[in-house]
Protein backbone atom coordinates (compact mmCIF):
# COMPACT_ATOMS: atom_id res chain seq x y z
CA MET A 1 29.06 37.86 28.27
CA SER A 2 27.64 34.41 27.42
CA LEU A 3 24.14 35.66 28.25
CA LEU A 4 24.25 38.03 25.30
CA VAL A 5 24.79 35.08 22.96
CA ASN A 6 21.13 34.20 23.50
CA ARG A 7 19.23 36.40 21.05
CA GLU A 8 16.05 36.33 23.13
CA ALA A 9 17.90 37.40 26.26
CA LYS A 10 19.75 40.10 24.31
CA ASN A 11 16.51 41.46 22.83
CA PHE A 12 14.91 41.38 26.27
CA LEU A 13 17.79 43.33 27.85
CA ILE A 14 17.71 45.92 25.03
CA LEU A 15 13.94 46.36 25.33
CA PHE A 16 14.10 46.46 29.12
CA SER A 17 16.89 49.09 29.03
CA LEU A 18 14.89 51.16 26.53
CA VAL A 19 11.82 51.04 28.78
CA LEU A 20 13.92 52.11 31.78
CA PHE A 21 15.52 54.94 29.77
CA LEU A 22 12.14 56.17 28.57
CA GLY A 23 10.88 55.90 32.14
CA VAL A 24 13.73 58.08 33.44
CA ILE A 25 13.04 60.70 30.75
CA LEU A 26 9.31 60.57 31.47
CA PHE A 27 9.79 61.07 35.20
CA GLN A 28 12.20 63.98 34.53
CA VAL A 29 9.57 65.63 32.36
CA ILE A 30 6.91 65.01 35.01
CA ALA A 31 9.21 66.45 37.70
CA TYR A 32 9.77 69.59 35.59
CA ILE A 33 6.04 70.02 34.96
CA GLN A 34 5.35 69.61 38.67
CA ALA A 35 8.02 72.18 39.51
CA VAL A 36 6.47 74.70 37.09
CA HIS A 37 3.05 73.96 38.52
CA PHE A 38 4.31 74.36 42.07
CA ARG A 39 5.98 77.65 41.07
CA ASN A 40 2.70 78.95 39.70
CA GLU A 41 0.87 77.90 42.84
CA MET A 42 3.44 79.64 45.03
CA ILE A 43 3.17 82.82 42.95
CA VAL A 44 -0.60 82.76 43.36
CA HIS A 45 -0.07 82.29 47.09
CA ASP A 46 2.29 85.27 47.19
CA TYR A 47 -0.20 87.36 45.18
CA GLU A 48 -2.85 86.63 47.76
CA ILE A 49 -0.56 87.63 50.66
CA ALA A 50 0.54 90.82 48.92
CA GLY A 51 -3.07 91.76 48.14
CA TYR A 52 -4.15 91.09 51.70
CA LEU A 53 -1.36 93.26 53.15
CA LYS A 54 -2.02 96.12 50.72
CA GLN A 55 -5.70 96.20 51.57
CA LYS A 56 -4.87 96.35 55.27
CA HIS A 57 -1.98 98.83 54.93
CA PRO A 58 -2.09 100.74 51.64
CA GLU A 59 0.73 102.96 52.79
CA LEU A 60 3.07 99.91 52.79
CA ALA A 61 2.68 99.12 49.08
CA VAL A 62 6.32 99.83 48.28
CA ASP A 63 7.53 97.82 51.29
CA ILE A 64 5.32 94.90 50.27
CA GLN A 65 6.88 94.84 46.79
CA GLU A 66 10.36 94.91 48.30
CA ALA A 67 9.39 92.07 50.65
CA PHE A 68 8.93 89.77 47.66
CA THR A 69 11.78 90.99 45.46
CA ALA A 70 14.59 92.10 47.79
CA ASP A 71 17.33 89.78 49.04
CA LYS A 72 16.60 88.13 52.36
CA LEU A 73 19.00 87.93 55.29
CA PRO A 74 19.22 85.14 57.90
CA ASP A 75 17.74 87.51 60.46
CA HIS A 76 14.64 87.95 58.30
CA LEU A 77 14.11 84.14 58.35
CA GLU A 78 14.34 83.92 62.10
CA THR A 79 12.14 86.97 62.66
CA GLY A 80 9.48 85.77 60.22
CA LYS A 81 9.58 82.26 61.64
CA ALA A 82 9.07 83.50 65.19
CA LEU A 83 6.22 85.73 64.07
CA LEU A 84 4.27 83.15 62.04
CA GLU A 85 4.81 80.22 64.43
CA GLN A 86 2.81 82.19 66.99
CA SER A 87 -0.23 81.73 64.72
CA GLY A 88 0.51 78.03 64.05
CA TYR A 89 2.07 78.57 60.59
CA LYS A 90 5.05 76.20 60.84
CA ASN A 91 6.54 72.97 59.37
CA GLY A 92 4.06 70.70 61.08
CA ILE A 93 1.00 72.45 59.72
CA GLN A 94 -1.47 70.18 57.92
CA LEU A 95 -1.56 70.42 54.15
CA HIS A 96 -5.25 71.26 53.88
CA LEU A 97 -4.66 74.44 55.89
CA ILE A 98 -2.60 75.79 52.97
CA PRO A 99 -5.05 75.61 50.01
CA GLN A 100 -2.44 75.96 47.24
CA VAL A 101 -0.19 73.27 48.70
CA ASP A 102 -3.14 70.96 49.30
CA LYS A 103 -4.36 71.51 45.73
CA PHE A 104 -0.88 70.85 44.34
CA TYR A 105 -0.58 67.64 46.39
CA ARG A 106 -3.95 66.28 45.29
CA SER A 107 -3.46 66.93 41.57
CA ASN A 108 0.10 65.53 41.49
CA LYS A 109 -0.77 62.52 43.65
CA ALA A 110 -3.14 61.27 40.98
CA THR A 111 -0.67 62.09 38.18
CA ASN A 112 2.21 60.30 39.89
CA LEU A 113 0.02 57.26 40.65
CA ILE A 114 -1.14 56.98 37.04
CA PHE A 115 2.29 57.35 35.48
CA SER A 116 4.07 55.08 37.99
CA SER A 117 1.38 52.42 37.56
CA MET A 118 1.69 52.63 33.79
CA PHE A 119 5.46 52.33 34.05
CA VAL A 120 5.24 49.26 36.30
CA LEU A 121 2.68 47.67 33.97
CA VAL A 122 4.94 48.25 30.96
CA ILE A 123 7.86 46.61 32.76
CA LEU A 124 5.70 43.67 33.84
CA LEU A 125 4.39 43.29 30.28
CA VAL A 126 7.92 43.21 28.86
CA VAL A 127 9.00 40.62 31.44
CA TYR A 128 5.84 38.56 30.87
CA LEU A 129 6.25 38.49 27.09
CA PHE A 130 9.89 37.43 27.43
CA LEU A 131 9.14 34.67 29.94
CA LYS A 132 6.13 33.50 27.92
CA THR A 133 8.23 33.14 24.76
CA HIS A 134 11.08 31.57 26.70
CA TYR A 135 9.04 28.96 28.55
CA ARG A 136 6.83 28.23 25.55
CA LYS A 137 9.96 27.03 23.80
CA ILE A 138 10.98 25.00 26.87
CA ASP A 139 7.49 23.42 26.98
CA GLN A 140 7.84 22.52 23.31
CA TYR A 141 11.19 20.89 24.10
CA ASN A 142 9.54 18.89 26.89
CA ASN A 143 6.77 17.70 24.56
CA ASP A 144 9.28 16.66 21.89
CA ILE A 145 11.45 14.87 24.45
CA SER A 146 8.37 13.04 25.75
CA LYS A 147 7.63 11.89 22.20
CA ILE A 148 11.21 10.65 21.91
CA MET A 149 10.88 8.74 25.20
CA ASN A 150 7.59 7.22 24.01
CA GLY A 151 9.32 5.65 21.03
CA GLU A 152 9.16 8.39 18.41
CA ILE A 153 12.93 8.34 18.31
CA SER A 154 13.13 10.19 14.98
CA THR A 155 11.52 13.32 16.47
CA ARG A 156 13.77 16.37 16.30
CA LEU A 157 13.65 19.65 18.20
CA ASP A 158 12.82 22.29 15.61
CA ASP A 159 15.05 25.22 16.61
CA ASN A 160 17.47 26.86 14.19
CA GLU A 161 17.92 30.13 16.06
CA GLU A 162 20.85 31.39 18.11
CA GLY A 163 21.32 31.21 21.84
CA ASN A 164 21.72 28.74 24.68
CA LEU A 165 18.31 27.12 24.21
CA SER A 166 19.10 26.51 20.56
CA LYS A 167 22.43 24.97 21.56
CA LEU A 168 20.54 22.73 23.98
CA ALA A 169 18.15 21.72 21.17
CA ALA A 170 21.10 20.92 18.92
CA SER A 171 22.68 18.77 21.65
CA ILE A 172 19.39 16.90 22.21
CA ASN A 173 19.07 16.33 18.45
CA LEU A 174 22.62 14.98 18.37
CA LEU A 175 21.87 12.70 21.32
CA THR A 176 18.64 11.51 19.65
CA ALA A 177 20.47 10.72 16.42
CA SER A 178 23.13 8.82 18.35
CA LEU A 179 20.50 6.84 20.27
CA TYR A 180 18.66 6.07 17.04
CA THR A 181 21.88 4.79 15.47
CA HIS A 182 22.68 2.61 18.50
CA ILE A 183 19.14 1.23 18.63
CA GLU A 184 19.18 0.36 14.94
CA LYS A 185 22.57 -1.26 15.35
CA GLU A 186 21.32 -3.22 18.36
CA LYS A 187 18.29 -4.37 16.37
CA GLN A 188 20.55 -5.50 13.56
CA ASN A 189 22.77 -7.36 16.02
CA ARG A 190 19.77 -9.10 17.56
CA VAL A 191 18.42 -10.10 14.16
CA PHE A 192 21.89 -11.28 13.17
CA LEU A 193 22.17 -13.33 16.38
CA LYS A 194 18.71 -14.78 15.81
CA ASP A 195 19.63 -15.72 12.24
CA ILE A 196 22.89 -17.32 13.39
CA LEU A 197 21.13 -19.35 16.07
CA THR A 198 18.37 -20.32 13.65
CA ASN A 199 20.84 -21.45 10.99
CA VAL A 200 23.00 -23.34 13.49
CA SER A 201 19.92 -24.97 15.01
CA HIS A 202 18.64 -26.07 11.62
CA GLN A 203 22.07 -27.41 10.73
CA LEU A 204 22.18 -29.37 14.00
CA LYS A 205 18.74 -30.87 13.54
CA THR A 206 19.88 -33.10 10.68
CA PRO A 207 22.75 -34.84 12.49
CA LEU A 208 20.66 -35.03 15.66
CA SER A 209 17.84 -36.71 13.80
CA ALA A 210 20.34 -39.13 12.26
CA LEU A 211 21.89 -39.92 15.65
CA THR A 212 18.43 -40.48 17.14
CA MET A 213 17.57 -42.85 14.29
CA TYR A 214 20.86 -44.71 14.69
CA THR A 215 20.22 -45.08 18.43
CA ASP A 216 16.76 -46.50 17.78
CA ILE A 217 18.18 -48.97 15.24
CA MET A 218 20.86 -50.10 17.68
CA ARG A 219 18.31 -50.51 20.46
CA ASN A 220 16.15 -52.71 18.23
CA GLU A 221 19.08 -55.02 17.63
CA ASN A 222 19.17 -58.06 19.85
CA THR A 223 22.09 -57.72 22.23
CA ASP A 224 22.83 -59.00 25.69
CA ASN A 225 25.61 -56.50 26.26
CA ASP A 226 24.60 -54.43 29.29
CA VAL A 227 27.30 -51.87 28.56
CA ILE A 228 25.84 -51.12 25.13
CA VAL A 229 22.32 -50.81 26.59
CA LYS A 230 23.64 -48.48 29.28
CA PHE A 231 25.37 -46.26 26.75
CA LEU A 232 22.30 -46.21 24.51
CA ASP A 233 20.24 -44.93 27.44
CA LYS A 234 22.78 -42.19 28.09
CA SER A 235 22.93 -41.35 24.40
CA GLU A 236 19.14 -40.96 24.22
CA LYS A 237 19.12 -38.66 27.24
CA GLU A 238 21.88 -36.45 25.81
CA LEU A 239 20.18 -36.31 22.42
CA GLU A 240 16.91 -35.33 24.07
CA ARG A 241 18.75 -32.68 26.08
CA MET A 242 20.36 -31.25 22.92
CA GLN A 243 17.00 -31.10 21.15
CA THR A 244 15.49 -29.25 24.12
CA LEU A 245 18.44 -26.85 24.21
CA ILE A 246 18.14 -26.08 20.49
CA ALA A 247 14.39 -25.48 20.78
CA ASN A 248 14.89 -23.14 23.76
CA LEU A 249 17.70 -21.26 22.03
CA LEU A 250 15.44 -20.61 19.07
CA LYS A 251 12.69 -19.30 21.34
CA MET A 252 15.12 -17.11 23.26
CA ALA A 253 16.61 -15.75 20.03
CA LYS A 254 13.17 -14.77 18.76
CA LEU A 255 12.37 -12.99 22.02
CA ASP A 256 15.71 -11.17 22.07
CA ALA A 257 15.35 -10.06 18.47
CA GLY A 258 12.07 -8.36 19.36
CA ILE A 259 10.27 -9.96 16.45
CA ILE A 260 7.67 -11.65 18.64
CA GLU A 261 4.25 -10.03 18.79
CA LEU A 262 2.00 -11.53 21.41
CA ASN A 263 -1.31 -12.72 19.99
CA LYS A 264 -3.43 -12.05 23.07
CA SER A 265 -6.94 -13.29 23.65
CA ASN A 266 -8.95 -14.45 26.66
CA HIS A 267 -7.95 -17.91 27.93
CA ILE A 268 -8.78 -19.90 31.06
CA LEU A 269 -5.55 -20.19 33.07
CA ASN A 270 -6.87 -23.33 34.80
CA ASP A 271 -7.02 -25.12 31.44
CA ILE A 272 -3.50 -24.02 30.47
CA ILE A 273 -2.03 -25.25 33.76
CA LYS A 274 -3.97 -28.52 33.50
CA GLN A 275 -2.48 -29.03 30.04
CA VAL A 276 1.00 -28.32 31.46
CA ALA A 277 0.58 -30.86 34.25
CA GLU A 278 -0.85 -33.53 31.95
CA SER A 279 2.17 -33.21 29.64
CA PHE A 280 4.36 -34.29 32.60
CA GLU A 281 1.92 -36.91 33.90
CA THR A 282 3.82 -39.91 32.55
CA ARG A 283 7.13 -38.70 33.94
CA LEU A 284 5.58 -37.86 37.31
CA SER A 285 4.06 -41.32 37.54
CA LYS A 286 7.34 -42.96 36.57
CA GLU A 287 9.28 -40.92 39.16
CA GLN A 288 6.59 -41.53 41.81
CA LYS A 289 5.71 -37.86 42.30
CA THR A 290 2.25 -36.41 42.83
CA TRP A 291 0.68 -33.14 41.73
CA ALA A 292 -2.48 -31.07 42.21
CA VAL A 293 -4.00 -27.88 40.82
CA LYS A 294 -6.00 -25.75 43.27
CA SER A 295 -8.30 -22.84 42.48
CA ASP A 296 -11.57 -21.47 43.87
CA CYS A 297 -12.86 -20.60 40.41
CA LYS A 298 -11.93 -20.46 36.76
CA VAL A 299 -9.67 -17.49 36.02
CA ALA A 300 -9.78 -15.90 32.56
CA TYR A 301 -6.77 -13.89 31.42
CA LEU A 302 -5.81 -11.94 28.30
CA CYS A 303 -2.62 -13.62 27.10
CA ASP A 304 -0.83 -15.39 24.27
CA ARG A 305 -1.74 -19.00 24.97
CA GLU A 306 1.33 -20.59 23.35
CA TRP A 307 3.87 -18.36 25.07
CA MET A 308 2.06 -18.51 28.42
CA LEU A 309 2.02 -22.30 28.07
CA GLU A 310 5.77 -22.19 27.45
CA ALA A 311 6.46 -20.06 30.55
CA LEU A 312 4.28 -22.12 32.91
CA SER A 313 5.68 -25.38 31.47
CA ASN A 314 9.21 -24.28 32.32
CA LEU A 315 8.21 -23.45 35.89
CA PHE A 316 6.44 -26.80 36.32
CA LYS A 317 9.37 -28.61 34.71
CA ASN A 318 11.76 -26.90 37.13
CA ALA A 319 9.71 -28.26 40.04
CA VAL A 320 9.72 -31.76 38.52
CA GLU A 321 13.50 -31.73 38.05
CA HIS A 322 14.24 -30.63 41.62
CA THR A 323 11.99 -33.03 43.54
CA ARG A 324 12.53 -36.63 44.58
CA ALA A 325 10.33 -39.70 44.57
CA GLY A 326 7.41 -39.24 46.94
CA ASN A 327 7.50 -35.42 46.72
CA HIS A 328 4.44 -33.36 45.84
CA ILE A 329 3.98 -30.45 43.42
CA SER A 330 1.00 -28.11 43.80
CA VAL A 331 -0.20 -25.24 41.65
CA LEU A 332 -2.43 -22.61 43.24
CA ILE A 333 -4.35 -20.04 41.18
CA GLU A 334 -5.61 -16.92 42.98
CA GLU A 335 -7.40 -13.84 41.65
CA THR A 336 -7.70 -10.46 43.39
CA PRO A 337 -9.14 -7.19 42.06
CA LEU A 338 -5.68 -6.04 40.95
CA ILE A 339 -3.53 -9.13 40.46
CA ILE A 340 -3.61 -12.79 39.47
CA LYS A 341 -1.15 -15.13 41.19
CA ILE A 342 -0.06 -18.58 40.03
CA THR A 343 2.04 -20.36 42.63
CA PHE A 344 4.17 -23.45 41.88
CA GLU A 345 5.13 -25.05 45.21
CA ASP A 346 7.02 -28.24 45.94
CA ASN A 347 8.52 -29.94 48.99
CA GLY A 348 11.72 -30.90 47.20
CA GLU A 349 15.38 -30.14 47.74
CA GLY A 350 15.08 -26.32 47.68
CA ILE A 351 17.48 -23.72 46.30
CA HIS A 352 20.77 -22.88 47.99
CA PRO A 353 20.93 -19.25 49.28
CA ASP A 354 24.01 -18.64 47.09
CA ASP A 355 21.94 -19.42 43.99
CA ILE A 356 18.66 -17.62 44.76
CA ASN A 357 19.77 -14.35 43.10
CA HIS A 358 21.16 -16.04 39.98
CA ILE A 359 18.58 -18.64 38.99
CA PHE A 360 16.99 -16.43 36.30
CA LYS A 361 20.32 -15.85 34.54
CA ARG A 362 20.80 -17.64 31.25
CA PHE A 363 22.83 -20.85 31.29
CA TYR A 364 23.37 -20.50 35.04
CA ARG A 365 24.26 -23.83 36.57
CA SER A 366 24.50 -24.14 40.34
CA ARG A 367 27.54 -25.93 41.78
CA PHE A 368 25.11 -27.58 44.20
CA SER A 369 23.08 -29.30 41.46
CA GLN A 370 25.56 -30.36 38.82
CA ASN A 371 24.00 -33.81 38.73
CA LYS A 372 20.68 -32.41 37.53
CA GLN A 373 19.71 -32.39 33.87
CA GLY A 374 18.86 -29.03 32.35
CA THR A 375 20.01 -26.30 29.99
CA GLY A 376 19.87 -23.28 32.30
CA ILE A 377 17.48 -21.46 29.95
CA GLY A 378 14.03 -22.46 31.19
CA LEU A 379 13.67 -20.03 34.10
CA SER A 380 15.16 -17.17 32.08
CA LEU A 381 12.73 -17.89 29.26
CA ALA A 382 9.79 -18.00 31.69
CA LYS A 383 10.82 -14.70 33.26
CA THR A 384 11.05 -12.98 29.85
CA ILE A 385 7.64 -14.24 28.73
CA ILE A 386 5.89 -13.25 31.97
CA GLU A 387 7.45 -9.78 31.81
CA MET A 388 6.18 -9.44 28.23
CA HIS A 389 2.70 -9.95 29.69
CA GLY A 390 3.31 -7.14 32.20
CA GLY A 391 4.00 -9.41 35.20
CA PHE A 392 6.92 -10.71 37.22
CA ILE A 393 8.07 -13.86 39.05
CA SER A 394 9.07 -14.08 42.71
CA VAL A 395 10.73 -17.03 44.44
CA GLU A 396 10.97 -18.33 48.01
CA SER A 397 12.96 -21.39 48.98
CA THR A 398 14.35 -23.29 51.95
CA ILE A 399 16.96 -26.02 51.67
CA GLU A 400 15.44 -29.52 52.01
CA LYS A 401 11.98 -28.03 52.60
CA GLY A 402 10.93 -26.89 49.17
CA THR A 403 10.56 -24.01 46.74
CA LYS A 404 7.76 -21.66 45.80
CA PHE A 405 7.69 -19.77 42.48
CA THR A 406 4.89 -17.20 42.17
CA VAL A 407 3.82 -15.61 38.90
CA HIS A 408 2.24 -12.17 39.43
CA LEU A 409 0.07 -10.98 36.54
CA PRO A 410 -1.85 -7.67 36.48
CA ASN A 411 -5.58 -8.16 36.42
CA LEU A 412 -6.22 -6.39 33.14
CA GLN A 413 -9.98 -6.29 33.68
CA ASN A 414 -9.57 -4.02 36.70
CA CYS A 415 -6.33 -2.09 36.16
CA LYS A 416 -4.18 -0.62 33.41
CA VAL A 417 -0.63 -1.76 32.85
């Protein structure tokens, strides 16, 4: 049987069987002692009857002896039964009316209760000790697994014994080792990807800088050729787009590699958002768009200022890129006991329903906005940064009516993440 492979279960069954065997022997001995005791009580009872009859009828002494030693016939039973039942001496008679029987019952009742209670207690003790040892090991497994889940991936279940629980521990150790290997490999892959992107980005910066310089030189040359001016404008826009893409790729690579540690301190969110809006002020003025920041009070938050600035800038930039001349962009800051909300709302073109579930994917470009400039990384980058701060971003949008992005941040002064 597979159960007997478990040493603890095997030891328990052996001990339990031994206790039962000893219990059977003990009860046999007790039954024999009780039988001897009952025999002695019955002999005393017979002595009393014989003595009583002899005192009443001395002449029947020989007959009295024969009454207790001679073989009895069925007729004797019926005759004696009929005789004694007339005086109430029958099967239904109460025990206390027969002193020897009552005494035997009382003494053996206590003996049986003591020995049966002791036997039950021994069995319960054996079962308790087995279950205690068994579940103590299971509890230890749970604690070790919790440590593994909390990041102590190198923790092993210390169990080198035999049995099913030990096999389970070995399987968990194998799984832990496999997970550790995969995690290390994934870390190496992320670092490798980050290094590749960093090297490629640095290599691209040199030609991009050269192209930018050449474009500036060409623009400073006196020329009346409208075609050249038009192409220089396009070239500058594409160069600017490539520089933004490279910068975002570097940021995304650092986040993916897990090498970023947030340097958190208390900052006023109103000031960060004001800085974001002011960085787009020239563009907003040029594109004839208006903006406003609304808040009932200054809201302090424990965050990494640079990365929070990056996330909020991408959300504001997204609103700028998807609004037209005359549209308005508003930022609302709200604080509740448990959450802080930053809402970016515009009355621009909106997001198509087919795109609403994909806008946070990297490099996602909607077929409904192919004419818009962008790299498809900004919203994904913002989502990652906000999640690193323990929050999340929700979005609501209606075509040709506008879009609302809301950043939800846990109020760390009043709740624990």
